[in-house]
């Protein structure tokens, strides 16, 4: 009897995993087609970007911003960025 339940449980797990795989792919496809995709197209058309990447300062090849030197406190050490 126990062997029958083990087989049934294994079959059930196989079925549920395949259904979950299909469901997650469908949800992600819908999210991309109706959410991420149109937003990306609008941003591409308007030339907008969410990244803060303006022109690099003259003579540099990086987009890093320099932080003004401040007083070194424990509060500043807890916030590294």
N, C-alpha and C. Protein backbone atom coordinates (compact mmCIF):
# COMPACT_ATOMS: atom_id res chain seq x y z
N UNK A 1 0.82 -1.20 0.00
CA UNK A 1 0.00 0.00 0.00
C UNK A 1 0.86 1.26 0.00
N UNK A 2 1.94 1.20 0.79
CA UNK A 2 2.83 2.35 0.86
C UNK A 2 3.50 2.61 -0.49
N UNK A 3 3.84 1.54 -1.20
CA UNK A 3 4.48 1.68 -2.52
C UNK A 3 3.52 2.35 -3.51
N UNK A 4 2.23 2.05 -3.41
CA UNK A 4 1.23 2.68 -4.27
C UNK A 4 1.17 4.18 -4.02
N UNK A 5 1.19 4.59 -2.75
CA UNK A 5 1.16 6.02 -2.42
C UNK A 5 2.43 6.72 -2.90
N UNK A 6 3.57 6.04 -2.80
CA UNK A 6 4.82 6.63 -3.26
C UNK A 6 4.78 6.87 -4.78
N UNK A 7 4.26 5.89 -5.51
CA UNK A 7 4.15 6.05 -6.97
C UNK A 7 3.16 7.15 -7.33
N UNK A 8 2.04 7.18 -6.62
CA UNK A 8 1.04 8.22 -6.87
C UNK A 8 1.63 9.60 -6.58
N UNK A 9 2.37 9.71 -5.49
CA UNK A 9 2.98 11.00 -5.12
C UNK A 9 4.01 11.41 -6.17
N UNK A 10 4.81 10.48 -6.65
CA UNK A 10 5.81 10.79 -7.67
C UNK A 10 5.13 11.24 -8.97
N UNK A 11 4.06 10.56 -9.35
CA UNK A 11 3.31 10.96 -10.55
C UNK A 11 2.68 12.34 -10.39
N UNK A 12 2.12 12.58 -9.22
CA UNK A 12 1.51 13.88 -8.94
C UNK A 12 2.55 14.99 -9.02
N UNK A 13 3.73 14.77 -8.43
CA UNK A 13 4.80 15.76 -8.47
C UNK A 13 5.24 16.04 -9.90
N UNK A 14 5.33 15.01 -10.71
CA UNK A 14 5.74 15.20 -12.10
C UNK A 14 4.71 16.04 -12.85
N UNK A 15 3.42 15.75 -12.64
CA UNK A 15 2.36 16.51 -13.29
C UNK A 15 2.36 17.96 -12.82
N UNK A 16 2.46 18.17 -11.53
CA UNK A 16 2.39 19.52 -10.98
C UNK A 16 3.59 20.36 -11.43
N UNK A 17 4.76 19.76 -11.49
CA UNK A 17 5.95 20.50 -11.94
C UNK A 17 5.82 20.93 -13.39
N UNK A 18 5.27 20.07 -14.24
CA UNK A 18 5.10 20.46 -15.64
C UNK A 18 4.05 21.55 -15.79
N UNK A 19 2.98 21.48 -15.02
CA UNK A 19 1.96 22.54 -15.06
C UNK A 19 2.54 23.86 -14.54
N UNK A 20 3.33 23.79 -13.47
CA UNK A 20 3.93 25.00 -12.91
C UNK A 20 4.91 25.63 -13.90
N UNK A 21 5.65 24.80 -14.62
CA UNK A 21 6.59 25.33 -15.61
C UNK A 21 5.83 26.07 -16.71
N UNK A 22 4.78 25.49 -17.22
CA UNK A 22 3.98 26.15 -18.26
C UNK A 22 3.33 27.43 -17.73
N UNK A 23 2.82 27.38 -16.52
CA UNK A 23 2.17 28.55 -15.94
C UNK A 23 3.16 29.69 -15.75
N UNK A 24 4.35 29.40 -15.26
CA UNK A 24 5.32 30.47 -15.04
C UNK A 24 5.78 31.07 -16.36
N UNK A 25 5.93 30.24 -17.38
CA UNK A 25 6.31 30.78 -18.68
C UNK A 25 5.20 31.66 -19.26
N UNK A 26 3.96 31.27 -19.07
CA UNK A 26 2.84 32.07 -19.56
C UNK A 26 2.75 33.40 -18.82
N UNK A 27 2.93 33.37 -17.51
CA UNK A 27 2.86 34.62 -16.73
C UNK A 27 3.99 35.56 -17.14
N UNK A 28 5.19 35.03 -17.31
CA UNK A 28 6.31 35.87 -17.71
C UNK A 28 6.12 36.42 -19.13
N UNK A 29 5.56 35.64 -20.02
CA UNK A 29 5.31 36.12 -21.38
C UNK A 29 4.29 37.25 -21.38
N UNK A 30 3.24 37.09 -20.59
CA UNK A 30 2.22 38.16 -20.50
C UNK A 30 2.82 39.42 -19.88
N UNK A 31 3.64 39.26 -18.84
CA UNK A 31 4.27 40.41 -18.21
C UNK A 31 5.18 41.14 -19.19
N UNK A 32 5.90 40.40 -20.00
CA UNK A 32 6.79 41.03 -20.97
C UNK A 32 6.00 41.71 -22.08
N UNK A 33 5.01 40.99 -22.64
CA UNK A 33 4.28 41.53 -23.78
C UNK A 33 3.44 42.75 -23.43
N UNK A 34 2.85 42.77 -22.24
CA UNK A 34 1.95 43.86 -21.89
C UNK A 34 2.52 44.84 -20.87
N UNK A 35 3.66 44.55 -20.32
CA UNK A 35 4.25 45.44 -19.32
C UNK A 35 5.60 45.98 -19.73
N UNK A 36 6.57 45.12 -19.77
CA UNK A 36 7.95 45.54 -20.02
C UNK A 36 8.15 45.96 -21.47
N UNK A 37 7.61 45.22 -22.39
CA UNK A 37 7.80 45.50 -23.81
C UNK A 37 7.31 46.88 -24.23
N UNK A 38 6.04 47.22 -23.98
CA UNK A 38 5.56 48.55 -24.38
C UNK A 38 6.30 49.69 -23.70
N UNK A 39 6.65 49.53 -22.43
CA UNK A 39 7.40 50.58 -21.74
C UNK A 39 8.76 50.77 -22.41
N UNK A 40 9.42 49.68 -22.75
CA UNK A 40 10.72 49.77 -23.42
C UNK A 40 10.59 50.44 -24.78
N UNK A 41 9.54 50.13 -25.52
CA UNK A 41 9.33 50.76 -26.83
C UNK A 41 9.10 52.26 -26.68
N UNK A 42 8.27 52.65 -25.71
CA UNK A 42 8.02 54.08 -25.48
C UNK A 42 9.30 54.80 -25.09
N UNK A 43 10.08 54.21 -24.21
CA UNK A 43 11.34 54.83 -23.79
C UNK A 43 12.30 54.93 -24.97
N UNK A 44 12.32 53.94 -25.82
CA UNK A 44 13.22 53.96 -26.98
C UNK A 44 12.79 55.06 -27.95
N UNK A 45 11.49 55.20 -28.18
CA UNK A 45 10.99 56.22 -29.11
C UNK A 45 11.25 57.63 -28.57
N UNK A 46 10.99 57.83 -27.28
CA UNK A 46 11.16 59.17 -26.70
C UNK A 46 12.60 59.48 -26.35
N UNK A 47 13.48 58.48 -26.35
CA UNK A 47 14.88 58.72 -26.03
C UNK A 47 15.15 58.85 -24.55
N UNK A 48 14.19 58.47 -23.73
CA UNK A 48 14.37 58.54 -22.27
C UNK A 48 15.16 57.36 -21.77
N UNK A 49 15.84 57.56 -20.67
CA UNK A 49 16.56 56.48 -20.03
C UNK A 49 16.39 56.59 -18.53
N UNK A 50 16.38 55.47 -17.86
CA UNK A 50 16.25 55.48 -16.41
C UNK A 50 17.61 55.49 -15.73
N UNK A 51 18.67 55.37 -16.51
CA UNK A 51 20.00 55.38 -15.95
C UNK A 51 20.53 56.81 -15.90
N UNK A 52 21.23 57.13 -14.85
CA UNK A 52 21.82 58.46 -14.72
C UNK A 52 23.19 58.45 -15.38
N UNK A 53 23.19 58.49 -16.71
CA UNK A 53 24.43 58.41 -17.46
C UNK A 53 24.53 59.58 -18.42
N UNK A 54 24.74 60.75 -17.88
CA UNK A 54 24.94 61.91 -18.73
C UNK A 54 26.33 61.85 -19.33
N UNK A 55 26.69 62.87 -20.07
CA UNK A 55 28.04 62.88 -20.64
C UNK A 55 29.09 62.86 -19.53
N UNK A 56 30.13 62.09 -19.75
CA UNK A 56 31.20 62.00 -18.76
C UNK A 56 31.95 63.33 -18.72
N UNK A 57 32.43 63.73 -17.56
CA UNK A 57 33.20 64.96 -17.49
C UNK A 57 34.43 64.89 -18.40
N UNK A 58 34.83 66.04 -18.90
CA UNK A 58 35.96 66.11 -19.83
C UNK A 58 37.20 65.47 -19.23
N UNK A 59 37.84 64.63 -19.99
CA UNK A 59 39.08 64.01 -19.55
C UNK A 59 38.90 62.74 -18.74
N UNK A 60 37.67 62.29 -18.52
CA UNK A 60 37.44 61.05 -17.78
C UNK A 60 36.75 60.04 -18.68
N UNK A 61 36.89 58.78 -18.30
CA UNK A 61 36.25 57.72 -19.07
C UNK A 61 35.30 56.91 -18.20
N UNK A 62 34.73 57.53 -17.19
CA UNK A 62 33.87 56.81 -16.27
C UNK A 62 32.61 57.62 -16.00
N UNK A 63 31.59 56.95 -15.55
CA UNK A 63 30.34 57.61 -15.20
C UNK A 63 30.17 57.71 -13.69
N UNK A 64 31.18 57.36 -12.92
CA UNK A 64 31.10 57.44 -11.47
C UNK A 64 31.02 58.90 -11.04
N UNK A 65 30.23 59.15 -10.03
CA UNK A 65 30.12 60.50 -9.46
C UNK A 65 31.01 60.56 -8.23
N UNK A 66 31.76 61.61 -8.11
CA UNK A 66 32.59 61.75 -6.92
C UNK A 66 31.74 62.31 -5.78
N UNK A 67 31.92 61.73 -4.62
CA UNK A 67 31.21 62.21 -3.44
C UNK A 67 32.06 63.26 -2.77
N UNK A 68 31.44 64.33 -2.34
CA UNK A 68 32.22 65.35 -1.64
C UNK A 68 32.72 64.78 -0.31
N UNK A 69 33.94 65.12 0.05
CA UNK A 69 34.44 64.60 1.33
C UNK A 69 33.62 65.16 2.48
N UNK A 70 33.34 64.32 3.41
CA UNK A 70 32.55 64.73 4.56
C UNK A 70 33.18 64.21 5.84
N UNK A 71 32.50 64.50 6.90
CA UNK A 71 33.00 64.03 8.18
C UNK A 71 32.71 62.54 8.32
N UNK A 72 33.71 61.79 8.73
CA UNK A 72 33.55 60.34 8.86
C UNK A 72 32.84 60.03 10.18
N UNK A 73 31.57 59.66 10.08
CA UNK A 73 30.80 59.31 11.26
C UNK A 73 30.30 57.88 11.12
N UNK A 74 29.80 57.33 12.20
CA UNK A 74 29.25 55.98 12.17
C UNK A 74 28.01 55.91 11.27
N UNK A 75 27.24 56.98 11.22
CA UNK A 75 26.06 57.02 10.38
C UNK A 75 26.48 56.94 8.91
N UNK A 76 27.55 57.64 8.53
CA UNK A 76 28.04 57.57 7.16
C UNK A 76 28.59 56.19 6.83
N UNK A 77 29.21 55.54 7.81
CA UNK A 77 29.79 54.21 7.58
C UNK A 77 28.67 53.19 7.36
N UNK A 78 27.51 53.40 7.91
CA UNK A 78 26.40 52.47 7.75
C UNK A 78 25.75 52.64 6.37
N UNK A 79 25.99 53.75 5.71
CA UNK A 79 25.42 54.04 4.40
C UNK A 79 26.56 54.22 3.41
N UNK A 80 27.01 53.14 2.76
CA UNK A 80 28.20 53.25 1.93
C UNK A 80 27.98 53.95 0.59
N UNK A 81 26.74 54.08 0.13
CA UNK A 81 26.52 54.69 -1.18
C UNK A 81 25.76 55.98 -1.06
